[in-house]
Protein backbone atom coordinates (compact mmCIF):
# COMPACT_ATOMS: atom_id res chain seq x y z
CA MET A 1 55.41 1.40 40.30
CA ASN A 2 52.26 3.49 40.02
CA SER A 3 53.77 5.68 37.30
CA ARG A 4 54.92 2.61 35.38
CA MET A 5 51.47 1.00 35.61
CA SER A 6 49.90 4.29 34.50
CA ALA A 7 52.16 4.39 31.45
CA ILE A 8 51.30 0.80 30.58
CA GLY A 9 47.60 1.62 30.99
CA VAL A 10 47.85 4.54 28.58
CA VAL A 11 49.65 2.38 25.99
CA VAL A 12 47.00 -0.37 26.30
CA PHE A 13 44.19 2.20 25.98
CA LEU A 14 45.73 3.75 22.86
CA PHE A 15 46.28 0.33 21.33
CA LEU A 16 42.67 -0.68 21.90
CA ALA A 17 41.42 2.66 20.62
CA LEU A 18 43.39 2.29 17.40
CA ALA A 19 42.41 -1.35 16.99
CA LEU A 20 38.72 -0.79 17.57
CA GLY A 21 38.51 2.49 15.66
CA PRO A 22 36.41 5.51 16.65
CA GLY A 23 33.83 4.99 19.38
CA PRO A 24 30.09 5.33 18.79
CA ALA A 25 30.14 9.05 19.53
CA ALA A 26 32.74 9.67 16.83
CA GLN A 27 31.04 7.57 14.16
CA ALA A 28 28.19 8.87 12.05
CA GLN A 29 25.13 6.76 12.74
CA GLU A 30 23.80 4.81 9.77
CA VAL A 31 20.65 6.39 8.35
CA LYS A 32 18.02 4.16 6.76
CA ILE A 33 14.93 5.33 4.89
CA GLY A 34 12.18 2.77 4.41
CA ILE A 35 10.19 2.96 1.18
CA VAL A 36 6.98 1.07 0.45
CA GLN A 37 5.25 1.15 -2.93
CA PRO A 38 3.17 -1.22 -5.08
CA LEU A 39 5.77 -2.61 -7.45
CA SER A 40 3.65 -5.52 -8.65
CA GLY A 41 -0.05 -5.97 -9.28
CA ILE A 42 -2.51 -3.72 -11.13
CA PRO A 43 -0.52 -1.86 -13.83
CA VAL A 44 -1.98 1.62 -13.23
CA ILE A 45 -1.24 1.34 -9.49
CA VAL A 46 2.28 0.06 -10.18
CA ASP A 47 2.78 3.04 -12.50
CA PHE A 48 2.12 5.40 -9.58
CA GLY A 49 4.46 3.50 -7.25
CA GLU A 50 7.34 3.11 -9.68
CA SER A 51 7.18 6.77 -10.73
CA TYR A 52 7.21 8.07 -7.15
CA LEU A 53 10.08 5.70 -6.36
CA GLN A 54 12.08 7.02 -9.32
CA GLY A 55 11.95 10.49 -7.76
CA ASN A 56 12.91 9.10 -4.33
CA LYS A 57 15.90 7.23 -5.73
CA LEU A 58 17.32 10.13 -7.71
CA ALA A 59 17.09 12.48 -4.72
CA VAL A 60 18.95 10.00 -2.49
CA LYS A 61 21.52 9.25 -5.20
CA GLU A 62 22.34 12.97 -5.51
CA TYR A 63 22.46 13.36 -1.72
CA ASN A 64 24.89 10.47 -1.35
CA ALA A 65 27.03 11.82 -4.21
CA ARG A 66 27.39 15.04 -2.17
CA GLY A 67 28.74 13.04 0.78
CA GLY A 68 25.63 11.57 2.39
CA TYR A 69 25.00 12.03 6.09
CA LYS A 70 28.33 12.97 7.70
CA GLY A 71 30.25 11.06 5.07
CA LYS A 72 28.10 7.92 5.09
CA PRO A 73 25.57 7.07 2.36
CA VAL A 74 21.89 6.98 3.31
CA GLN A 75 20.51 3.46 2.84
CA LEU A 76 17.16 2.70 1.21
CA VAL A 77 15.16 -0.30 2.40
CA ILE A 78 12.48 -0.89 -0.23
CA TYR A 79 9.46 -3.21 -0.04
CA ASP A 80 6.61 -4.03 -2.42
CA ASP A 81 3.19 -3.86 -0.75
CA GLU A 82 1.52 -5.22 -3.92
CA GLY A 83 -1.27 -2.66 -3.46
CA ASN A 84 -2.60 -4.88 -0.68
CA PRO A 85 -3.43 -3.47 2.80
CA LYS A 86 -2.48 -6.69 4.63
CA ARG A 87 0.85 -6.82 2.85
CA ALA A 88 1.37 -3.13 3.66
CA VAL A 89 0.89 -3.82 7.38
CA GLU A 90 3.45 -6.64 7.16
CA VAL A 91 6.18 -4.62 5.49
CA PHE A 92 5.60 -1.47 7.54
CA THR A 93 5.87 -3.58 10.71
CA ARG A 94 9.12 -5.08 9.43
CA LEU A 95 10.57 -1.67 8.59
CA LEU A 96 9.75 -0.24 12.01
CA THR A 97 10.57 -3.20 14.25
CA GLN A 98 13.25 -5.20 12.41
CA ASP A 99 14.95 -2.91 9.90
CA LYS A 100 14.88 -0.03 12.41
CA VAL A 101 14.52 2.67 9.75
CA ASN A 102 14.63 6.32 10.75
CA VAL A 103 11.72 7.40 8.53
CA VAL A 104 9.32 5.82 6.02
CA ILE A 105 8.12 7.06 2.61
CA GLY A 106 5.00 5.59 0.94
CA THR A 107 2.61 4.31 -0.31
CA THR A 108 0.28 4.69 -3.32
CA ASN A 109 -3.04 3.25 -2.17
CA SER A 110 -4.78 5.56 0.28
CA GLY A 111 -6.43 2.53 1.89
CA ASN A 112 -3.00 1.07 2.59
CA VAL A 113 -1.75 4.28 4.18
CA LEU A 114 -4.85 4.51 6.36
CA ALA A 115 -4.28 0.88 7.41
CA VAL A 116 -0.64 1.35 8.46
CA MET A 117 -0.07 4.91 9.61
CA HIS A 118 -1.05 4.13 13.20
CA LEU A 119 2.12 2.01 13.33
CA ASN A 120 4.26 5.07 12.60
CA GLN A 121 2.34 7.10 15.14
CA GLN A 122 2.71 4.44 17.85
CA ASN A 123 6.41 3.88 17.14
CA LYS A 124 7.14 7.60 16.73
CA ILE A 125 8.71 7.10 13.31
CA PRO A 126 7.79 9.79 10.74
CA LEU A 127 5.78 8.75 7.69
CA MET A 128 6.05 10.77 4.47
CA ALA A 129 2.90 9.59 2.70
CA GLY A 130 2.73 9.60 -1.07
CA PRO A 131 1.53 9.43 -3.74
CA SER A 132 -1.70 8.57 -1.88
CA ILE A 133 -4.28 11.35 -2.13
CA ALA A 134 -7.22 10.64 0.24
CA THR A 135 -8.00 13.87 2.07
CA PRO A 136 -8.08 12.56 5.70
CA ILE A 137 -4.57 11.04 5.78
CA THR A 138 -2.68 13.82 7.56
CA LYS A 139 -5.61 14.75 9.79
CA LYS A 140 -6.04 11.44 11.61
CA PHE A 141 -3.55 12.25 14.41
CA ALA A 142 -3.70 16.04 14.19
CA ASP A 143 -5.23 16.24 17.68
CA GLN A 144 -2.31 14.40 19.32
CA PRO A 145 0.67 16.24 20.86
CA LYS A 146 2.83 15.17 17.90
CA ASN A 147 1.51 14.06 14.52
CA TYR A 148 4.03 11.76 12.79
CA VAL A 149 2.19 11.63 9.45
CA PHE A 150 3.23 14.03 6.67
CA ARG A 151 2.43 13.97 2.98
CA CYS A 152 4.11 15.13 -0.22
CA SER A 153 1.51 14.41 -2.88
CA MET A 154 -1.67 15.68 -4.46
CA VAL A 155 -4.68 15.94 -2.13
CA GLU A 156 -8.03 14.77 -3.49
CA GLU A 157 -10.01 17.65 -1.99
CA PHE A 158 -7.74 20.22 -3.63
CA GLN A 159 -7.87 18.82 -7.15
CA VAL A 160 -11.64 18.26 -6.96
CA ASN A 161 -12.17 21.86 -5.88
CA ALA A 162 -9.95 23.12 -8.72
CA LEU A 163 -11.89 21.03 -11.26
CA LEU A 164 -15.30 22.06 -9.96
CA ASP A 165 -14.46 25.78 -9.75
CA TRP A 166 -13.35 25.69 -13.38
CA ALA A 167 -16.13 23.43 -14.72
CA THR A 168 -19.05 25.22 -13.07
CA LYS A 169 -17.86 28.59 -14.36
CA LYS A 170 -17.59 27.16 -17.86
CA THR A 171 -20.94 25.37 -18.16
CA LYS A 172 -23.88 23.82 -16.33
CA SER A 173 -23.83 20.85 -18.71
CA ILE A 174 -21.79 18.58 -16.43
CA GLY A 175 -21.88 14.82 -16.02
CA LEU A 176 -20.10 12.45 -13.64
CA LEU A 177 -18.60 9.06 -14.50
CA HIS A 178 -17.17 7.17 -11.52
CA SER A 179 -15.98 3.67 -10.73
CA THR A 180 -17.45 1.55 -7.96
CA THR A 181 -14.04 1.05 -6.34
CA GLY A 182 -13.45 2.53 -2.90
CA TYR A 183 -11.66 5.46 -4.51
CA GLY A 184 -14.37 5.98 -7.14
CA LEU A 185 -17.14 6.07 -4.55
CA PHE A 186 -15.13 8.43 -2.35
CA ALA A 187 -14.58 10.74 -5.34
CA LYS A 188 -18.28 10.58 -6.22
CA GLY A 189 -19.20 11.76 -2.74
CA GLU A 190 -16.71 14.65 -2.85
CA ILE A 191 -17.85 15.75 -6.31
CA LEU A 192 -21.58 15.59 -5.62
CA LYS A 193 -21.06 17.54 -2.39
CA GLY A 194 -18.97 20.11 -4.25
CA LEU A 195 -21.46 20.51 -7.08
CA GLU A 196 -24.29 20.95 -4.59
CA ALA A 197 -22.33 23.69 -2.82
CA ARG A 198 -21.88 25.43 -6.19
CA LYS A 199 -25.59 24.96 -7.00
CA VAL A 200 -24.83 23.07 -10.22
CA PRO A 201 -26.31 19.55 -10.04
CA PRO A 202 -24.89 16.96 -12.44
CA VAL A 203 -27.13 16.28 -15.42
CA VAL A 204 -26.02 12.63 -15.74
CA VAL A 205 -24.31 10.32 -13.22
CA GLU A 206 -23.01 6.96 -14.45
CA SER A 207 -20.85 4.29 -12.82
CA SER A 208 -18.57 1.46 -13.94
CA ASN A 209 -17.31 -1.71 -12.31
CA PRO A 210 -13.60 -2.55 -12.02
CA GLY A 211 -12.23 -4.34 -15.08
CA ILE A 212 -14.76 -2.80 -17.48
CA THR A 213 -13.80 -3.19 -21.15
CA ASP A 214 -16.44 -1.00 -22.83
CA PHE A 215 -17.85 2.35 -21.70
CA THR A 216 -20.11 2.77 -24.73
CA PRO A 217 -23.44 2.35 -22.82
CA GLN A 218 -22.46 4.98 -20.25
CA LEU A 219 -21.00 7.42 -22.78
CA LEU A 220 -24.09 7.21 -25.01
CA LYS A 221 -26.17 8.51 -22.09
CA PHE A 222 -23.87 11.54 -21.78
CA LYS A 223 -24.03 12.08 -25.53
CA GLU A 224 -27.84 11.88 -25.51
CA LYS A 225 -27.97 14.76 -23.00
CA LYS A 226 -25.26 16.69 -24.90
CA ILE A 227 -23.02 16.87 -21.85
CA GLU A 228 -20.15 19.31 -22.42
CA ILE A 229 -17.87 18.27 -19.52
CA ILE A 230 -17.62 14.74 -18.16
CA LEU A 231 -15.95 14.52 -14.76
CA THR A 232 -14.31 11.12 -15.13
CA PHE A 233 -13.27 9.31 -11.99
CA ALA A 234 -13.23 5.85 -13.52
CA GLU A 235 -9.63 4.81 -14.01
CA GLU A 236 -9.80 3.12 -17.45
CA TRP A 237 -9.31 6.36 -19.36
CA ASP A 238 -7.75 4.70 -22.40
CA ILE A 239 -10.95 2.74 -23.03
CA GLN A 240 -13.09 5.83 -22.51
CA PHE A 241 -11.18 7.92 -25.06
CA LYS A 242 -11.30 5.13 -27.66
CA ASN A 243 -15.04 4.64 -27.09
CA LEU A 244 -15.66 8.37 -27.57
CA VAL A 245 -14.15 8.14 -31.04
CA LYS A 246 -16.29 5.12 -31.85
CA ILE A 247 -19.54 6.93 -31.01
CA GLY A 248 -18.50 10.27 -32.55
CA TYR A 249 -18.65 12.27 -29.33
CA ASN A 250 -16.14 14.93 -28.28
CA PRO A 251 -16.78 16.30 -24.75
CA ILE A 252 -14.14 17.71 -22.40
CA MET A 253 -12.91 14.87 -20.19
CA ALA A 254 -11.85 16.26 -16.81
CA GLY A 255 -10.38 14.08 -14.09
CA ASN A 256 -7.67 13.54 -11.53
CA TRP A 257 -3.93 13.72 -12.02
CA GLY A 258 -3.87 10.14 -13.26
CA MET A 259 -4.73 11.51 -16.70
CA SER A 260 -1.22 13.01 -16.89
CA SER A 261 0.42 9.58 -17.13
CA GLY A 262 2.82 9.14 -20.03
CA LYS A 263 1.50 5.59 -20.41
CA LEU A 264 -1.97 6.97 -21.18
CA ARG A 265 -0.50 9.24 -23.85
CA ASP A 266 1.41 6.33 -25.37
CA ILE A 267 -1.79 4.31 -25.63
CA VAL A 268 -4.30 6.89 -26.92
CA GLY A 269 -2.07 9.52 -28.57
CA ASP A 270 -1.96 13.30 -28.43
CA ASP A 271 -4.99 13.87 -30.63
CA LEU A 272 -7.44 12.12 -28.30
CA LEU A 273 -5.99 13.89 -25.25
CA LYS A 274 -6.47 17.40 -26.60
CA ASN A 275 -9.75 17.70 -24.65
CA ALA A 276 -8.38 16.26 -21.40
CA VAL A 277 -8.15 18.43 -18.27
CA MET A 278 -6.70 17.19 -14.98
CA GLY A 279 -5.61 18.17 -11.49
CA GLN A 280 -1.94 19.09 -11.52
CA ALA A 281 0.97 20.55 -9.53
CA LEU A 282 3.86 20.49 -12.04
CA ASP A 283 4.06 22.90 -14.97
CA LEU A 284 6.62 21.68 -17.51
CA ASN A 285 6.63 25.11 -19.16
CA GLU A 286 8.59 26.40 -16.16
CA PRO A 287 12.40 26.42 -16.65
CA LYS A 288 13.19 24.65 -13.35
CA ALA A 289 10.66 21.91 -14.04
CA ARG A 290 11.95 21.47 -17.61
CA ALA A 291 15.56 21.16 -16.43
CA TRP A 292 14.60 18.57 -13.83
CA ASP A 293 12.47 16.72 -16.40
CA GLU A 294 15.49 16.44 -18.71
CA LYS A 295 17.60 15.13 -15.83
CA MET A 296 15.01 12.43 -15.12
CA ARG A 297 14.90 11.43 -18.78
CA LYS A 298 18.67 11.00 -18.79
CA GLU A 299 18.54 8.98 -15.58
CA TYR A 300 15.68 6.62 -16.44
CA GLY A 301 15.15 6.80 -20.20
CA LYS A 302 11.89 5.24 -21.40
CA GLU A 303 11.11 4.00 -17.89
CA TYR A 304 10.45 7.62 -16.86
CA ARG A 305 6.84 8.31 -17.80
CA TRP A 306 5.03 10.34 -15.16
CA PRO A 307 6.69 13.67 -14.30
CA VAL A 308 4.28 15.01 -11.66
CA ILE A 309 4.31 11.78 -9.62
CA ALA A 310 8.10 11.53 -9.86
CA SER A 311 8.53 15.20 -8.92
CA PHE A 312 6.51 14.73 -5.74
CA GLY A 313 8.65 11.67 -4.97
CA TYR A 314 11.82 13.67 -5.57
CA ASP A 315 10.64 16.50 -3.30
CA ALA A 316 9.41 14.04 -0.63
CA ALA A 317 12.84 12.43 -0.37
CA ASN A 318 14.62 15.79 -0.37
CA LEU A 319 12.37 17.05 2.43
CA VAL A 320 13.24 13.97 4.48
CA LEU A 321 16.97 14.39 3.74
CA LYS A 322 16.87 18.08 4.63
CA ALA A 323 15.23 17.21 7.96
CA ILE A 324 17.95 14.61 8.61
CA ASP A 325 20.64 17.22 7.91
CA MET A 326 18.92 19.62 10.32
CA ALA A 327 18.21 17.18 13.14
CA GLY A 328 20.33 14.06 12.74
CA PRO A 329 19.03 10.48 12.59
CA ASN A 330 16.74 10.54 15.63
CA PRO A 331 13.20 9.90 14.26
CA ASP A 332 11.45 12.19 16.73
CA GLU A 333 13.81 15.05 15.88
CA ILE A 334 13.38 14.36 12.14
CA ARG A 335 9.63 14.80 12.67
CA ASP A 336 10.18 18.14 14.43
CA ALA A 337 12.60 19.31 11.74
CA LEU A 338 10.08 18.62 8.95
CA GLU A 339 7.75 21.16 10.55
CA ARG A 340 10.58 23.73 10.71
CA ILE A 341 11.86 23.44 7.12
CA ASP A 342 11.88 26.80 5.37
CA ASN A 343 13.28 28.10 2.10
CA PHE A 344 12.87 24.67 0.49
CA ASP A 345 13.76 24.59 -3.20
CA ALA A 346 11.10 22.28 -4.65
CA VAL A 347 10.86 20.95 -8.18
CA THR A 348 7.09 20.45 -8.02
CA THR A 349 5.54 23.76 -9.07
CA GLY A 350 2.94 23.74 -6.30
CA VAL A 351 5.25 22.99 -3.33
CA PRO A 352 5.99 26.22 -1.40
CA LYS A 353 9.20 27.33 0.33
CA LYS A 354 7.78 26.36 3.73
CA PRO A 355 5.79 23.20 3.11
CA TYR A 356 4.83 22.25 6.68
CA SER A 357 3.88 23.70 10.04
CA LYS A 358 2.68 22.26 13.34
CA ASP A 359 -0.92 22.30 12.13
CA ASP A 360 -0.40 21.59 8.43
CA HIS A 361 1.36 18.42 7.25
CA GLU A 362 0.46 18.77 3.55
CA CYS A 363 3.24 19.92 1.22
CA VAL A 364 0.68 21.63 -1.03
CA ASP A 365 -2.35 23.75 -0.20
CA GLN A 366 -5.47 24.50 -2.24
CA LYS A 367 -3.86 27.57 -3.80
CA ASP A 368 -0.90 25.47 -5.00
CA VAL A 369 -3.00 23.03 -7.08
CA PHE A 370 -3.99 23.98 -10.62
CA LEU A 371 -5.38 22.33 -13.75
CA GLY A 372 -3.22 20.85 -16.47
CA ILE A 373 -3.65 19.98 -20.14
CA TRP A 374 -1.62 17.97 -22.64
CA GLU A 375 0.29 20.24 -25.03
CA LYS A 376 2.97 19.05 -27.48
CA GLY A 377 3.57 15.85 -25.57
CA LYS A 378 3.80 17.34 -22.07
CA VAL A 379 1.43 18.52 -19.36
CA VAL A 380 1.33 22.28 -18.77
CA ARG A 381 -0.83 24.67 -16.80
CA LEU A 382 -4.29 25.37 -18.21
CA LYS A 383 -4.67 29.09 -18.87
CA GLN A 384 -7.93 30.35 -17.41
């Protein structure tokens, strides 16, 4: 009787096993990456978000084409934060508490990142920040046992230092044009502090309000003092370049990596951009960068317009995917794996083989950031 019941039990067990399929231990756990970017709102901000997202999407598409995570495709859960901090808090909360993502990538506005990253830290879900650039982002939780905030993007401090080192060696005839936005005022403070440290005070400092449609009054003051280099941290560069032509003034316009946008080139043309210098981390003269650039053009066509932002997005997603391959889907172990990644093959020129460590959650360092110029329709490294 016992042997008969045992045989029946085995048959029932096998039947249930076949009917229900592999148990949880045998199935690959679904992996979800949350992405937040401004996909509506102010056009220049949307340009950042869409370009970074293009890089994210291509990296995940290629990863899934290679088999995904243990045979299952990685899922993307994408939300639009509209460039609004309150909206960012809403969608980050949803990703972490309802969608149960394993890791989050985003967002563009530094203010939004600063408003939400405590949620990742509290929930122990890694955040790969980008393309936000405010210097303090990865340092906020650096004193805690585990810092869950990483970044794969430009860092404001690094590009400002690169610009000031170059400009102050070139001339003492330097002016500053900044917006009165939060970013513009932050940049003003960094630049004035940096110029003071280099003992080269700005000759002229002018500001502009958001939505300005004419920079002629400000630019005439620079022209009057014969300023050779204008450090421009007011975002309406297209208007500035057109106004320079109108007043017959041809200084070097040096600013952040936003001046490498393909949209800006489309609006003002190559001729007006020949005196533009900007912070940069992607050199399209390099063979690897050129090959990747061609791949992006084939993938997105005319919608692909900002190589350096997209390349950081591509590398950010690949860093996350590499950590998932190393550690599995557990968020805490993904965080630990990001710090251990070595021999990483980045597309972005400035991203090193070992991007992160326990004490450094920036994928680029000061030495990895350089200056770029427009040359034959693409941004390349400025030879100094």
